């Protein structure tokens, strides 16, 4: 399957009159930084109001997010991450957390273990889809 939209440049996209608001960024790093900032800003806003925050989480923005949470001491105690997916083995069970494709392992190594323990949310608030 060919994805024609990968071939457009900003001028072509804008000239076609997008049907929804469109922000064009220079590269993936800028996109992921923007996502991380939006997540952190939302958590800060909700924390100030005593509200819960729930995100359905893709991958990409986490290095920026972890840096901001730690540097600004943003509490995640009232935050829930619903992770988008996880790989299964041939028995339709989650792959081991040590498996290189494990999203749970990735999140543990690159997100949860890197956030200051006083700030990170409890494990019960880190949700992965259960194949059962």
Protein backbone atom coordinates (compact mmCIF):
# COMPACT_ATOMS: atom_id res chain seq x y z
CA UNK A 1 0.00 0.00 0.00
CA UNK A 2 1.42 3.33 -1.02
CA UNK A 3 0.81 6.24 1.33
CA UNK A 4 0.57 9.24 -0.96
CA UNK A 5 0.29 11.63 1.97
CA UNK A 6 3.91 10.92 2.91
CA UNK A 7 4.94 12.69 -0.30
CA UNK A 8 3.24 16.04 0.35
CA UNK A 9 5.15 19.07 1.48
CA UNK A 10 3.65 21.85 3.62
CA UNK A 11 2.76 24.08 0.67
CA UNK A 12 0.90 21.27 -1.13
CA UNK A 13 -1.09 20.38 1.97
CA UNK A 14 -2.05 23.99 2.66
CA UNK A 15 -2.92 24.65 -0.99
CA UNK A 16 -5.51 21.85 -0.92
CA UNK A 17 -7.51 23.68 1.77
CA UNK A 18 -7.36 21.36 4.78
CA UNK A 19 -10.79 20.54 6.27
CA UNK A 20 -9.54 20.88 9.89
CA UNK A 21 -6.98 23.05 11.71
CA UNK A 22 -3.49 22.05 10.68
CA UNK A 23 -0.16 22.69 12.36
CA UNK A 24 2.96 21.91 10.34
CA UNK A 25 6.12 21.21 12.30
CA UNK A 26 9.65 20.84 10.99
CA UNK A 27 10.38 17.31 12.22
CA UNK A 28 9.42 14.43 14.53
CA UNK A 29 11.34 15.94 17.44
CA UNK A 30 9.22 19.08 17.28
CA UNK A 31 6.03 17.00 17.10
CA UNK A 32 7.03 14.85 20.10
CA UNK A 33 8.13 17.88 22.15
CA UNK A 34 4.77 19.54 21.41
CA UNK A 35 2.91 16.38 22.49
CA UNK A 36 4.95 16.16 25.70
CA UNK A 37 4.29 19.82 26.49
CA UNK A 38 0.57 19.41 25.88
CA UNK A 39 0.51 16.39 28.21
CA UNK A 40 2.47 18.18 30.94
CA UNK A 41 0.40 21.38 30.62
CA UNK A 42 -2.83 19.37 30.92
CA UNK A 43 -1.57 17.56 34.04
CA UNK A 44 -0.47 20.82 35.68
CA UNK A 45 -3.87 22.39 34.90
CA UNK A 46 -5.81 19.38 36.23
CA UNK A 47 -3.60 19.07 39.33
CA UNK A 48 -4.29 22.72 40.15
CA UNK A 49 -8.04 22.00 40.02
CA UNK A 50 -7.74 18.69 41.89
CA UNK A 51 -8.92 16.82 38.80
CA UNK A 52 -7.81 13.46 37.43
CA UNK A 53 -5.97 13.22 34.12
CA UNK A 54 -6.34 10.25 31.77
CA UNK A 55 -4.32 9.82 28.56
CA UNK A 56 -4.38 7.19 25.84
CA UNK A 57 -0.67 7.03 25.16
CA UNK A 58 1.20 6.63 21.89
CA UNK A 59 5.02 6.44 21.80
CA UNK A 60 7.48 9.17 20.88
CA UNK A 61 7.09 12.07 23.25
CA UNK A 62 8.30 10.38 26.42
CA UNK A 63 11.91 11.61 26.68
CA UNK A 64 10.62 15.20 26.61
CA UNK A 65 7.76 14.38 28.95
CA UNK A 66 9.98 12.64 31.52
CA UNK A 67 12.44 15.56 31.47
CA UNK A 68 9.68 18.08 32.05
CA UNK A 69 7.96 16.05 34.80
CA UNK A 70 11.24 15.65 36.69
CA UNK A 71 12.56 19.19 36.17
CA UNK A 72 9.26 20.85 37.12
CA UNK A 73 8.36 18.27 39.78
CA UNK A 74 4.95 17.57 38.21
CA UNK A 75 3.07 15.01 40.27
CA UNK A 76 1.54 12.13 38.31
CA UNK A 77 -0.22 10.70 41.37
CA UNK A 78 -3.62 11.63 39.89
CA UNK A 79 -2.77 10.58 36.30
CA UNK A 80 -3.78 7.40 34.46
CA UNK A 81 -2.00 6.21 31.31
CA UNK A 82 -4.03 3.91 29.09
CA UNK A 83 -1.41 2.41 26.81
CA UNK A 84 -2.53 1.82 23.25
CA UNK A 85 -1.36 -1.72 22.72
CA UNK A 86 0.94 -4.59 23.59
CA UNK A 87 2.39 -7.46 21.62
CA UNK A 88 1.13 -10.99 22.20
CA UNK A 89 2.90 -14.32 21.88
CA UNK A 90 1.59 -17.35 19.96
CA UNK A 91 -0.65 -18.22 22.93
CA UNK A 92 -2.27 -14.77 22.86
CA UNK A 93 -0.57 -13.80 26.11
CA UNK A 94 1.43 -10.61 26.60
CA UNK A 95 5.05 -10.99 25.56
CA UNK A 96 7.47 -10.90 28.48
CA UNK A 97 8.23 -7.41 29.80
CA UNK A 98 11.87 -8.22 28.95
CA UNK A 99 11.00 -8.87 25.28
CA UNK A 100 12.44 -6.14 23.00
CA UNK A 101 8.98 -5.51 21.47
CA UNK A 102 7.16 -5.23 24.80
CA UNK A 103 5.45 -1.88 25.05
CA UNK A 104 5.09 -2.46 28.80
CA UNK A 105 8.84 -3.04 29.02
CA UNK A 106 9.50 0.06 26.96
CA UNK A 107 7.26 2.17 29.20
CA UNK A 108 8.89 0.77 32.34
CA UNK A 109 12.46 1.33 31.13
CA UNK A 110 12.04 4.67 29.39
CA UNK A 111 9.23 6.33 31.33
CA UNK A 112 8.23 4.98 34.74
CA UNK A 113 11.74 4.03 35.93
CA UNK A 114 13.10 7.43 34.83
CA UNK A 115 10.53 9.54 36.67
CA UNK A 116 11.33 10.54 40.23
CA UNK A 117 9.62 7.92 42.44
CA UNK A 118 7.87 10.64 44.45
CA UNK A 119 6.22 11.91 41.25
CA UNK A 120 5.31 8.78 39.26
CA UNK A 121 1.81 7.32 39.32
CA UNK A 122 1.11 3.98 41.06
CA UNK A 123 1.31 0.88 38.86
CA UNK A 124 -2.48 0.38 39.07
CA UNK A 125 -2.84 3.61 37.05
CA UNK A 126 -0.69 2.24 34.16
CA UNK A 127 -3.20 0.36 32.06
CA UNK A 128 -2.44 -1.98 29.16
CA UNK A 129 -5.10 -3.72 27.07
CA UNK A 130 -5.72 -7.19 28.43
CA UNK A 131 -6.15 -9.85 25.75
CA UNK A 132 -8.54 -11.72 28.03
